[in-house]
């Protein structure tokens, strides 16, 4: 999988990107997706709310927005992540920043794999799948 990272409007780099890539490739393989191109873009709350308003017509802050370019089973897309929101969520939920960042990145990948979270049933399934794969990070 061609997994890359960049940042817009902030200075942030995922410190162990090699391990992240290995883990996410495993997730895609288990979910029977095929390797495509995924760009993880780290940014700020302000940038992400502008994207949310412009492209999704939603006027609220969020921690992640995905643009899905998948074709069939080939998993491709852009995953935009607000580092501001990830930090805030980590404090609010009293979890480690890195764990919350991994959860949000995984959440984006799961969206590309076809998981939804539009209603309570979908949200429950998404959380369950997130928990499963988060436990497998070091395997």
C-alpha atoms as a PDB file:
ATOM      1  CA  UNK A   1       0.000   0.000   0.000  1.00  0.00           C
ATOM      2  CA  UNK A   2       1.269   3.443  -0.832  1.00  0.00           C
ATOM      3  CA  UNK A   3       0.655   5.172   2.487  1.00  0.00           C
ATOM      4  CA  UNK A   4       2.019   8.668   2.875  1.00  0.00           C
ATOM      5  CA  UNK A   5       1.691  11.570   5.267  1.00  0.00           C
ATOM      6  CA  UNK A   6       1.733  15.319   4.952  1.00  0.00           C
ATOM      7  CA  UNK A   7       0.537  18.333   6.891  1.00  0.00           C
ATOM      8  CA  UNK A   8      -1.293  21.517   5.991  1.00  0.00           C
ATOM      9  CA  UNK A   9      -1.122  24.614   8.177  1.00  0.00           C
ATOM     10  CA  UNK A  10       0.646  22.855  11.043  1.00  0.00           C
ATOM     11  CA  UNK A  11       3.967  21.169  11.645  1.00  0.00           C
ATOM     12  CA  UNK A  12       3.252  17.556  12.523  1.00  0.00           C
ATOM     13  CA  UNK A  13       4.792  14.241  11.505  1.00  0.00           C
ATOM     14  CA  UNK A  14       3.698  10.805  12.709  1.00  0.00           C
ATOM     15  CA  UNK A  15       6.809   9.593  14.512  1.00  0.00           C
ATOM     16  CA  UNK A  16       6.766   5.843  13.711  1.00  0.00           C
ATOM     17  CA  UNK A  17       5.167   5.882  10.288  1.00  0.00           C
ATOM     18  CA  UNK A  18       6.774   2.566   9.312  1.00  0.00           C
ATOM     19  CA  UNK A  19       4.922   0.737  12.117  1.00  0.00           C
ATOM     20  CA  UNK A  20       1.690   2.585  11.315  1.00  0.00           C
ATOM     21  CA  UNK A  21       1.946   1.504   7.690  1.00  0.00           C
ATOM     22  CA  UNK A  22       2.583  -2.137   8.616  1.00  0.00           C
ATOM     23  CA  UNK A  23      -0.429  -2.146  10.959  1.00  0.00           C
ATOM     24  CA  UNK A  24      -2.779  -0.520   8.443  1.00  0.00           C
ATOM     25  CA  UNK A  25      -1.671  -2.860   5.640  1.00  0.00           C
ATOM     26  CA  UNK A  26      -2.622  -5.713   7.961  1.00  0.00           C
ATOM     27  CA  UNK A  27      -6.043  -4.165   8.584  1.00  0.00           C
ATOM     28  CA  UNK A  28      -6.686  -3.769   4.848  1.00  0.00           C
ATOM     29  CA  UNK A  29      -5.573  -7.354   4.183  1.00  0.00           C
ATOM     30  CA  UNK A  30      -7.784  -8.819   6.934  1.00  0.00           C
ATOM     31  CA  UNK A  31     -10.721  -6.806   5.568  1.00  0.00           C
ATOM     32  CA  UNK A  32      -9.935  -8.234   2.107  1.00  0.00           C
ATOM     33  CA  UNK A  33      -9.169  -4.887   0.551  1.00  0.00           C
ATOM     34  CA  UNK A  34      -6.483  -4.409  -2.059  1.00  0.00           C
ATOM     35  CA  UNK A  35      -3.599  -1.999  -1.681  1.00  0.00           C
ATOM     36  CA  UNK A  36      -4.133   1.452  -3.096  1.00  0.00           C
ATOM     37  CA  UNK A  37      -2.910   4.949  -2.244  1.00  0.00           C
ATOM     38  CA  UNK A  38      -3.807   6.513   1.101  1.00  0.00           C
ATOM     39  CA  UNK A  39      -2.633   9.998   2.045  1.00  0.00           C
ATOM     40  CA  UNK A  40      -2.932  10.973   5.705  1.00  0.00           C
ATOM     41  CA  UNK A  41      -3.020  14.745   6.006  1.00  0.00           C
ATOM     42  CA  UNK A  42      -2.534  16.293   9.432  1.00  0.00           C
ATOM     43  CA  UNK A  43      -4.060  19.722   9.879  1.00  0.00           C
ATOM     44  CA  UNK A  44      -5.815  22.104  12.281  1.00  0.00           C
ATOM     45  CA  UNK A  45      -9.404  22.499  13.475  1.00  0.00           C
ATOM     46  CA  UNK A  46      -9.819  25.640  11.390  1.00  0.00           C
ATOM     47  CA  UNK A  47      -8.656  24.021   8.182  1.00  0.00           C
ATOM     48  CA  UNK A  48     -10.833  20.960   8.719  1.00  0.00           C
ATOM     49  CA  UNK A  49     -13.998  22.947   9.500  1.00  0.00           C
ATOM     50  CA  UNK A  50     -13.440  24.884   6.271  1.00  0.00           C
ATOM     51  CA  UNK A  51     -13.245  21.573   4.375  1.00  0.00           C
ATOM     52  CA  UNK A  52     -16.331  20.311   6.218  1.00  0.00           C
ATOM     53  CA  UNK A  53     -18.283  23.424   5.220  1.00  0.00           C
ATOM     54  CA  UNK A  54     -17.051  23.583   1.641  1.00  0.00           C
ATOM     55  CA  UNK A  55     -17.248  19.944   0.578  1.00  0.00           C
ATOM     56  CA  UNK A  56     -19.671  18.289   2.994  1.00  0.00           C
ATOM     57  CA  UNK A  57     -21.944  21.287   3.725  1.00  0.00           C
ATOM     58  CA  UNK A  58     -21.631  20.636   7.477  1.00  0.00           C
ATOM     59  CA  UNK A  59     -20.900  23.433   9.928  1.00  0.00           C
ATOM     60  CA  UNK A  60     -19.162  21.748  12.834  1.00  0.00           C
ATOM     61  CA  UNK A  61     -15.706  20.715  13.987  1.00  0.00           C
ATOM     62  CA  UNK A  62     -14.618  17.128  13.496  1.00  0.00           C
ATOM     63  CA  UNK A  63     -11.471  15.116  14.057  1.00  0.00           C
ATOM     64  CA  UNK A  64     -11.418  13.312  10.695  1.00  0.00           C
ATOM     65  CA  UNK A  65     -12.762  13.685   7.163  1.00  0.00           C
ATOM     66  CA  UNK A  66     -12.210  11.077   4.461  1.00  0.00           C
ATOM     67  CA  UNK A  67     -12.308  11.492   0.726  1.00  0.00           C
ATOM     68  CA  UNK A  68     -12.899   8.061  -0.752  1.00  0.00           C
ATOM     69  CA  UNK A  69     -11.264   7.268  -4.099  1.00  0.00           C
ATOM     70  CA  UNK A  70     -11.703   3.494  -3.798  1.00  0.00           C
ATOM     71  CA  UNK A  71     -12.393   1.488  -6.918  1.00  0.00           C
ATOM     72  CA  UNK A  72     -13.798  -1.942  -6.221  1.00  0.00           C
ATOM     73  CA  UNK A  73     -11.600  -3.522  -3.563  1.00  0.00           C
ATOM     74  CA  UNK A  74      -8.686  -1.131  -4.151  1.00  0.00           C
ATOM     75  CA  UNK A  75      -8.544   1.048  -1.040  1.00  0.00           C
ATOM     76  CA  UNK A  76      -7.548   4.645  -1.820  1.00  0.00           C
ATOM     77  CA  UNK A  77      -8.340   8.026  -0.372  1.00  0.00           C
ATOM     78  CA  UNK A  78      -7.311  11.084   1.577  1.00  0.00           C
ATOM     79  CA  UNK A  79      -7.745  11.079   5.347  1.00  0.00           C
ATOM     80  CA  UNK A  80      -7.629  14.575   6.839  1.00  0.00           C
ATOM     81  CA  UNK A  81      -7.068  14.693  10.591  1.00  0.00           C
ATOM     82  CA  UNK A  82      -7.289  17.644  12.954  1.00  0.00           C
ATOM     83  CA  UNK A  83      -4.427  17.326  15.412  1.00  0.00           C
ATOM     84  CA  UNK A  84      -6.195  19.999  17.525  1.00  0.00           C
ATOM     85  CA  UNK A  85      -9.281  17.791  17.891  1.00  0.00           C
ATOM     86  CA  UNK A  86      -7.226  14.650  18.519  1.00  0.00           C
ATOM     87  CA  UNK A  87      -5.386  16.401  21.377  1.00  0.00           C
ATOM     88  CA  UNK A  88      -8.651  17.733  22.786  1.00  0.00           C
ATOM     89  CA  UNK A  89     -10.338  14.309  22.554  1.00  0.00           C
ATOM     90  CA  UNK A  90      -7.384  12.587  24.221  1.00  0.00           C
ATOM     91  CA  UNK A  91      -7.675  14.971  27.181  1.00  0.00           C
ATOM     92  CA  UNK A  92     -11.471  14.723  27.309  1.00  0.00           C
ATOM     93  CA  UNK A  93     -11.496  10.905  27.251  1.00  0.00           C
ATOM     94  CA  UNK A  94      -8.362  10.676  29.404  1.00  0.00           C
ATOM     95  CA  UNK A  95      -6.469   8.563  26.873  1.00  0.00           C
ATOM     96  CA  UNK A  96      -2.969   8.758  25.495  1.00  0.00           C
ATOM     97  CA  UNK A  97      -2.580  11.153  22.534  1.00  0.00           C
ATOM     98  CA  UNK A  98      -0.917   8.451  20.399  1.00  0.00           C
ATOM     99  CA  UNK A  99      -3.738   5.993  21.106  1.00  0.00           C
ATOM    100  CA  UNK A 100      -6.346   8.571  20.133  1.00  0.00           C
ATOM    101  CA  UNK A 101      -4.414   9.495  16.984  1.00  0.00           C
ATOM    102  CA  UNK A 102      -4.190   5.841  15.976  1.00  0.00           C
ATOM    103  CA  UNK A 103      -7.927   5.424  16.610  1.00  0.00           C
ATOM    104  CA  UNK A 104      -8.754   8.398  14.380  1.00  0.00           C
ATOM    105  CA  UNK A 105      -6.433   7.229  11.593  1.00  0.00           C
ATOM    106  CA  UNK A 106      -7.938   3.742  11.811  1.00  0.00           C
ATOM    107  CA  UNK A 107     -11.433   5.271  11.767  1.00  0.00           C
ATOM    108  CA  UNK A 108     -10.582   6.910   8.451  1.00  0.00           C
ATOM    109  CA  UNK A 109      -9.219   3.682   6.992  1.00  0.00           C
ATOM    110  CA  UNK A 110     -12.335   1.814   8.124  1.00  0.00           C
ATOM    111  CA  UNK A 111     -14.477   4.368   6.291  1.00  0.00           C
ATOM    112  CA  UNK A 112     -12.461   3.653   3.150  1.00  0.00           C
ATOM    113  CA  UNK A 113     -13.107  -0.037   3.738  1.00  0.00           C
ATOM    114  CA  UNK A 114     -16.843   0.642   3.718  1.00  0.00           C
ATOM    115  CA  UNK A 115     -17.695   0.994   7.399  1.00  0.00           C
ATOM    116  CA  UNK A 116     -20.244   3.711   8.199  1.00  0.00           C
ATOM    117  CA  UNK A 117     -21.226   5.564  11.357  1.00  0.00           C
ATOM    118  CA  UNK A 118     -24.409   7.384  10.390  1.00  0.00           C
ATOM    119  CA  UNK A 119     -26.666   5.775  12.992  1.00  0.00           C
ATOM    120  CA  UNK A 120     -26.352   4.102  16.387  1.00  0.00           C
ATOM    121  CA  UNK A 121     -26.050   0.567  14.981  1.00  0.00           C
ATOM    122  CA  UNK A 122     -23.290   1.597  12.558  1.00  0.00           C
ATOM    123  CA  UNK A 123     -21.506   3.586  15.283  1.00  0.00           C
ATOM    124  CA  UNK A 124     -21.566   0.566  17.592  1.00  0.00           C
ATOM    125  CA  UNK A 125     -20.097  -1.659  14.869  1.00  0.00           C
ATOM    126  CA  UNK A 126     -17.445   0.959  14.013  1.00  0.00           C
ATOM    127  CA  UNK A 127     -16.349   1.194  17.665  1.00  0.00           C
ATOM    128  CA  UNK A 128     -16.215  -2.587  17.954  1.00  0.00           C
ATOM    129  CA  UNK A 129     -14.045  -2.923  14.832  1.00  0.00           C
ATOM    130  CA  UNK A 130     -11.829  -0.044  15.988  1.00  0.00           C
ATOM    131  CA  UNK A 131     -11.300  -1.758  19.353  1.00  0.00           C
ATOM    132  CA  UNK A 132     -10.447  -5.044  17.660  1.00  0.00           C
ATOM    133  CA  UNK A 133      -7.786  -3.536  15.405  1.00  0.00           C
ATOM    134  CA  UNK A 134      -6.368  -1.203  18.038  1.00  0.00           C
ATOM    135  CA  UNK A 135      -5.615  -4.273  20.164  1.00  0.00           C
ATOM    136  CA  UNK A 136      -3.737  -5.765  17.172  1.00  0.00           C
ATOM    137  CA  UNK A 137      -1.366  -2.800  16.662  1.00  0.00           C
ATOM    138  CA  UNK A 138       1.651  -4.535  18.126  1.00  0.00           C
ATOM    139  CA  UNK A 139       1.000  -7.994  16.624  1.00  0.00           C
END
